[in-house]
Amino acid sequence: CIDNYSRLDSLSLGGALSKNNAFHYPVILSEYVAKLSPHKRQKILQFYADYENSFREMVRLLRVDGRMVLTVGNRKVDGIEFPFSEINKELAEHYGMNVEHVLMRNIVKN
């Protein structure tokens, strides 16, 4: 997969169409998807469905009073920033978790 990024993308979350459906769609996701081209909408929705299923499983496996640390980044799709950090905060709250800290950093591009 290292030599073929396309293959890596296909094996990653949202890389292939599946029968997985998300159970919770944040409003911010719907607003974001509405701005995308139809082809990109499908890719983002498939990624989100796979991610939300993974997130739900992580929450299920988390011990009572446990903590989850996620390192995520926002990226651009169709030139529009995907609000992944905000989506994660909403998912956490939806699944009964308390968001204790969100650390943001600016990555300077040369």
N, C-alpha and C. Protein backbone atom coordinates (compact mmCIF):
# COMPACT_ATOMS: atom_id res chain seq x y z
N CYS A 1 0.81 -1.21 0.00
CA CYS A 1 0.00 0.00 0.00
C CYS A 1 0.85 1.27 0.00
N ILE A 2 2.07 1.20 0.54
CA ILE A 2 2.91 2.39 0.62
C ILE A 2 3.22 2.92 -0.78
N ASP A 3 3.41 2.02 -1.72
CA ASP A 3 3.75 2.44 -3.08
C ASP A 3 2.54 2.88 -3.89
N ASN A 4 1.35 2.61 -3.39
CA ASN A 4 0.15 2.93 -4.16
C ASN A 4 -0.86 3.64 -3.25
N TYR A 5 -0.81 4.98 -3.28
CA TYR A 5 -1.68 5.77 -2.40
C TYR A 5 -3.16 5.52 -2.69
N SER A 6 -3.48 5.28 -3.92
CA SER A 6 -4.87 5.01 -4.29
C SER A 6 -5.37 3.76 -3.57
N ARG A 7 -4.55 2.75 -3.51
CA ARG A 7 -4.91 1.50 -2.82
C ARG A 7 -5.08 1.76 -1.33
N LEU A 8 -4.19 2.56 -0.76
CA LEU A 8 -4.27 2.90 0.65
C LEU A 8 -5.58 3.63 0.94
N ASP A 9 -5.94 4.58 0.07
CA ASP A 9 -7.21 5.30 0.25
C ASP A 9 -8.40 4.34 0.18
N SER A 10 -8.34 3.37 -0.73
CA SER A 10 -9.45 2.41 -0.88
C SER A 10 -9.62 1.54 0.35
N LEU A 11 -8.52 1.27 1.05
CA LEU A 11 -8.59 0.43 2.24
C LEU A 11 -8.90 1.22 3.51
N SER A 12 -8.84 2.53 3.43
CA SER A 12 -9.05 3.38 4.60
C SER A 12 -10.54 3.65 4.81
N LEU A 13 -10.83 4.36 5.90
CA LEU A 13 -12.22 4.72 6.18
C LEU A 13 -12.81 5.48 5.01
N GLY A 14 -13.98 5.04 4.58
CA GLY A 14 -14.68 5.71 3.50
C GLY A 14 -14.13 5.45 2.12
N GLY A 15 -13.14 4.58 2.02
CA GLY A 15 -12.48 4.34 0.75
C GLY A 15 -13.28 3.50 -0.22
N ALA A 16 -14.21 2.74 0.29
CA ALA A 16 -15.03 1.89 -0.57
C ALA A 16 -16.47 1.97 -0.08
N LEU A 17 -17.39 1.83 -1.01
CA LEU A 17 -18.80 1.83 -0.62
C LEU A 17 -19.09 0.62 0.24
N SER A 18 -19.80 0.82 1.30
CA SER A 18 -20.17 -0.29 2.18
C SER A 18 -21.63 -0.13 2.56
N LYS A 19 -22.11 -1.06 3.32
CA LYS A 19 -23.50 -0.99 3.77
C LYS A 19 -23.60 -0.34 5.14
N ASN A 20 -22.47 0.17 5.66
CA ASN A 20 -22.49 0.86 6.95
C ASN A 20 -23.24 2.17 6.82
N ASN A 21 -24.06 2.45 7.78
CA ASN A 21 -24.75 3.72 7.85
C ASN A 21 -24.39 4.39 9.16
N ALA A 22 -24.33 5.70 9.12
CA ALA A 22 -24.10 6.43 10.35
C ALA A 22 -25.42 6.49 11.12
N PHE A 23 -25.33 6.63 12.42
CA PHE A 23 -26.51 6.72 13.27
C PHE A 23 -26.78 8.16 13.70
N HIS A 24 -25.76 8.98 13.67
CA HIS A 24 -25.90 10.37 14.10
C HIS A 24 -25.21 11.27 13.09
N TYR A 25 -25.97 12.17 12.48
CA TYR A 25 -25.42 13.13 11.53
C TYR A 25 -25.44 14.51 12.16
N PRO A 26 -24.26 15.05 12.50
CA PRO A 26 -24.23 16.40 13.05
C PRO A 26 -24.72 17.43 12.03
N VAL A 27 -25.36 18.47 12.50
CA VAL A 27 -25.85 19.54 11.64
C VAL A 27 -24.69 20.15 10.86
N ILE A 28 -23.55 20.33 11.51
CA ILE A 28 -22.40 20.93 10.84
C ILE A 28 -21.94 20.08 9.66
N LEU A 29 -22.11 18.77 9.75
CA LEU A 29 -21.75 17.88 8.63
C LEU A 29 -22.71 18.12 7.46
N SER A 30 -23.99 18.19 7.74
CA SER A 30 -24.98 18.43 6.69
C SER A 30 -24.73 19.75 5.98
N GLU A 31 -24.42 20.78 6.75
CA GLU A 31 -24.14 22.09 6.17
C GLU A 31 -22.89 22.04 5.28
N TYR A 32 -21.87 21.32 5.74
CA TYR A 32 -20.64 21.20 4.97
C TYR A 32 -20.86 20.42 3.67
N VAL A 33 -21.52 19.30 3.76
CA VAL A 33 -21.74 18.43 2.60
C VAL A 33 -22.55 19.16 1.52
N ALA A 34 -23.47 19.99 1.93
CA ALA A 34 -24.30 20.73 0.97
C ALA A 34 -23.48 21.64 0.06
N LYS A 35 -22.29 22.02 0.49
CA LYS A 35 -21.43 22.91 -0.29
C LYS A 35 -20.56 22.16 -1.31
N LEU A 36 -20.52 20.84 -1.22
CA LEU A 36 -19.60 20.04 -2.05
C LEU A 36 -20.22 19.60 -3.36
N SER A 37 -19.35 19.25 -4.29
CA SER A 37 -19.82 18.64 -5.54
C SER A 37 -20.41 17.27 -5.23
N PRO A 38 -21.33 16.79 -6.04
CA PRO A 38 -21.99 15.50 -5.76
C PRO A 38 -21.01 14.34 -5.55
N HIS A 39 -19.96 14.27 -6.35
CA HIS A 39 -18.98 13.18 -6.20
C HIS A 39 -18.29 13.23 -4.83
N LYS A 40 -17.91 14.42 -4.42
CA LYS A 40 -17.23 14.58 -3.12
C LYS A 40 -18.20 14.36 -1.96
N ARG A 41 -19.47 14.71 -2.15
CA ARG A 41 -20.46 14.48 -1.09
C ARG A 41 -20.49 13.01 -0.71
N GLN A 42 -20.56 12.16 -1.71
CA GLN A 42 -20.64 10.71 -1.46
C GLN A 42 -19.40 10.22 -0.71
N LYS A 43 -18.23 10.71 -1.11
CA LYS A 43 -16.99 10.29 -0.45
C LYS A 43 -16.97 10.71 1.01
N ILE A 44 -17.38 11.94 1.28
CA ILE A 44 -17.39 12.44 2.67
C ILE A 44 -18.43 11.69 3.50
N LEU A 45 -19.61 11.47 2.95
CA LEU A 45 -20.65 10.75 3.70
C LEU A 45 -20.22 9.31 3.98
N GLN A 46 -19.55 8.67 3.04
CA GLN A 46 -19.07 7.30 3.27
C GLN A 46 -17.97 7.30 4.33
N PHE A 47 -17.05 8.26 4.25
CA PHE A 47 -16.01 8.38 5.27
C PHE A 47 -16.65 8.58 6.64
N TYR A 48 -17.61 9.50 6.70
CA TYR A 48 -18.24 9.80 7.98
C TYR A 48 -18.96 8.57 8.54
N ALA A 49 -19.67 7.84 7.71
CA ALA A 49 -20.39 6.64 8.18
C ALA A 49 -19.40 5.63 8.76
N ASP A 50 -18.30 5.39 8.07
CA ASP A 50 -17.28 4.47 8.58
C ASP A 50 -16.68 5.01 9.88
N TYR A 51 -16.37 6.31 9.91
CA TYR A 51 -15.76 6.90 11.09
C TYR A 51 -16.70 6.86 12.28
N GLU A 52 -17.95 7.22 12.05
CA GLU A 52 -18.92 7.24 13.15
C GLU A 52 -19.10 5.83 13.73
N ASN A 53 -19.11 4.83 12.89
CA ASN A 53 -19.19 3.45 13.38
C ASN A 53 -17.95 3.09 14.20
N SER A 54 -16.79 3.52 13.77
CA SER A 54 -15.56 3.27 14.53
C SER A 54 -15.58 4.02 15.85
N PHE A 55 -16.03 5.27 15.81
CA PHE A 55 -16.11 6.09 17.02
C PHE A 55 -17.05 5.44 18.04
N ARG A 56 -18.20 5.02 17.57
CA ARG A 56 -19.18 4.37 18.46
C ARG A 56 -18.58 3.13 19.11
N GLU A 57 -17.80 2.37 18.35
CA GLU A 57 -17.15 1.17 18.90
C GLU A 57 -16.10 1.54 19.94
N MET A 58 -15.35 2.61 19.69
CA MET A 58 -14.36 3.05 20.68
C MET A 58 -15.05 3.45 21.98
N VAL A 59 -16.17 4.14 21.87
CA VAL A 59 -16.93 4.54 23.06
C VAL A 59 -17.43 3.31 23.80
N ARG A 60 -17.90 2.32 23.05
CA ARG A 60 -18.41 1.09 23.67
C ARG A 60 -17.32 0.38 24.46
N LEU A 61 -16.10 0.40 23.96
CA LEU A 61 -14.99 -0.30 24.60
C LEU A 61 -14.32 0.51 25.71
N LEU A 62 -14.64 1.79 25.79
CA LEU A 62 -14.02 2.65 26.79
C LEU A 62 -14.54 2.30 28.18
N ARG A 63 -13.64 2.21 29.12
CA ARG A 63 -14.05 1.91 30.49
C ARG A 63 -14.85 3.07 31.07
N VAL A 64 -15.67 2.76 32.04
CA VAL A 64 -16.39 3.81 32.77
C VAL A 64 -15.32 4.71 33.38
N ASP A 65 -15.51 5.99 33.28
CA ASP A 65 -14.55 7.00 33.73
C ASP A 65 -13.24 6.98 32.92
N GLY A 66 -13.25 6.29 31.78
CA GLY A 66 -12.07 6.27 30.92
C GLY A 66 -11.97 7.56 30.13
N ARG A 67 -10.85 7.72 29.48
CA ARG A 67 -10.62 8.90 28.64
C ARG A 67 -10.19 8.46 27.26
N MET A 68 -10.61 9.24 26.29
CA MET A 68 -10.24 8.98 24.90
C MET A 68 -9.47 10.21 24.41
N VAL A 69 -8.35 9.98 23.79
CA VAL A 69 -7.57 11.06 23.21
C VAL A 69 -7.53 10.83 21.70
N LEU A 70 -7.95 11.83 20.96
CA LEU A 70 -7.95 11.74 19.51
C LEU A 70 -7.06 12.82 18.95
N THR A 71 -6.29 12.47 17.95
CA THR A 71 -5.52 13.44 17.21
C THR A 71 -6.13 13.48 15.81
N VAL A 72 -6.80 14.56 15.51
CA VAL A 72 -7.47 14.68 14.22
C VAL A 72 -7.06 16.00 13.58
N GLY A 73 -7.31 16.07 12.32
CA GLY A 73 -7.00 17.31 11.61
C GLY A 73 -8.10 17.65 10.63
N ASN A 74 -8.31 18.92 10.45
CA ASN A 74 -9.23 19.38 9.43
C ASN A 74 -8.48 19.36 8.10
N ARG A 75 -9.15 19.01 7.05
CA ARG A 75 -8.53 19.06 5.73
C ARG A 75 -9.52 19.68 4.77
N LYS A 76 -9.04 19.99 3.60
CA LYS A 76 -9.92 20.61 2.61
C LYS A 76 -10.38 19.58 1.59
N VAL A 77 -11.65 19.65 1.27
CA VAL A 77 -12.25 18.84 0.21
C VAL A 77 -12.98 19.84 -0.68
N ASP A 78 -12.73 19.78 -1.96
CA ASP A 78 -13.31 20.76 -2.90
C ASP A 78 -12.93 22.19 -2.50
N GLY A 79 -11.77 22.33 -1.88
CA GLY A 79 -11.30 23.66 -1.46
C GLY A 79 -12.00 24.21 -0.23
N ILE A 80 -12.82 23.39 0.43
CA ILE A 80 -13.57 23.83 1.61
C ILE A 80 -13.11 22.99 2.81
N GLU A 81 -12.79 23.67 3.90
CA GLU A 81 -12.28 22.96 5.07
C GLU A 81 -13.34 22.06 5.70
N PHE A 82 -12.99 20.78 5.87
CA PHE A 82 -13.86 19.80 6.52
C PHE A 82 -13.72 19.99 8.03
N PRO A 83 -14.80 20.35 8.73
CA PRO A 83 -14.72 20.68 10.16
C PRO A 83 -14.66 19.43 11.05
N PHE A 84 -13.64 18.63 10.86
CA PHE A 84 -13.55 17.34 11.55
C PHE A 84 -13.42 17.48 13.06
N SER A 85 -12.71 18.50 13.53
CA SER A 85 -12.58 18.66 14.98
C SER A 85 -13.93 18.99 15.62
N GLU A 86 -14.72 19.83 14.96
CA GLU A 86 -16.06 20.16 15.48
C GLU A 86 -16.98 18.94 15.43
N ILE A 87 -16.88 18.18 14.38
CA ILE A 87 -17.69 16.96 14.24
C ILE A 87 -17.36 15.98 15.36
N ASN A 88 -16.08 15.85 15.70
CA ASN A 88 -15.68 14.95 16.79
C ASN A 88 -16.23 15.42 18.12
N LYS A 89 -16.22 16.73 18.36
CA LYS A 89 -16.79 17.24 19.62
C LYS A 89 -18.27 16.90 19.70
N GLU A 90 -19.00 17.09 18.60
CA GLU A 90 -20.43 16.79 18.61
C GLU A 90 -20.69 15.30 18.79
N LEU A 91 -19.87 14.47 18.13
CA LEU A 91 -20.02 13.01 18.30
C LEU A 91 -19.80 12.62 19.76
N ALA A 92 -18.75 13.16 20.36
CA ALA A 92 -18.45 12.83 21.76
C ALA A 92 -19.64 13.18 22.65
N GLU A 93 -20.17 14.36 22.47
CA GLU A 93 -21.31 14.78 23.29
C GLU A 93 -22.54 13.92 23.01
N HIS A 94 -22.75 13.59 21.74
CA HIS A 94 -23.89 12.74 21.39
C HIS A 94 -23.82 11.39 22.08
N TYR A 95 -22.62 10.84 22.21
CA TYR A 95 -22.44 9.54 22.85
C TYR A 95 -22.18 9.65 24.35
N GLY A 96 -22.54 10.79 24.95
CA GLY A 96 -22.51 10.93 26.41
C GLY A 96 -21.15 11.19 27.00
N MET A 97 -20.22 11.64 26.19
CA MET A 97 -18.89 11.92 26.70
C MET A 97 -18.76 13.42 27.00
N ASN A 98 -17.88 13.75 27.91
CA ASN A 98 -17.58 15.15 28.21
C ASN A 98 -16.28 15.51 27.51
N VAL A 99 -16.30 16.56 26.75
CA VAL A 99 -15.08 17.03 26.08
C VAL A 99 -14.34 17.90 27.09
N GLU A 100 -13.17 17.43 27.52
CA GLU A 100 -12.41 18.16 28.53
C GLU A 100 -11.52 19.23 27.92
N HIS A 101 -10.83 18.89 26.85
CA HIS A 101 -9.88 19.82 26.22
C HIS A 101 -9.88 19.61 24.72
N VAL A 102 -9.72 20.69 24.03
CA VAL A 102 -9.46 20.66 22.59
C VAL A 102 -8.24 21.53 22.37
N LEU A 103 -7.19 20.94 21.91
CA LEU A 103 -5.97 21.68 21.63
C LEU A 103 -5.85 21.88 20.14
N MET A 104 -5.64 23.09 19.73
CA MET A 104 -5.49 23.40 18.32
C MET A 104 -4.07 23.87 18.09
N ARG A 105 -3.56 23.58 16.91
CA ARG A 105 -2.24 24.12 16.58
C ARG A 105 -2.29 24.61 15.14
N ASN A 106 -1.47 25.58 14.89
CA ASN A 106 -1.34 26.10 13.53
C ASN A 106 -0.08 25.51 12.93
N ILE A 107 -0.25 24.90 11.79
CA ILE A 107 0.89 24.35 11.08
C ILE A 107 1.26 25.34 9.99
N VAL A 108 2.44 25.90 10.12
CA VAL A 108 2.90 26.91 9.18
C VAL A 108 3.40 26.22 7.92
N LYS A 109 2.85 26.64 6.80
CA LYS A 109 3.28 26.07 5.52
C LYS A 109 4.35 26.97 4.92
N ASN A 110 5.39 26.37 4.46
CA ASN A 110 6.48 27.13 3.84
C ASN A 110 6.26 27.28 2.36
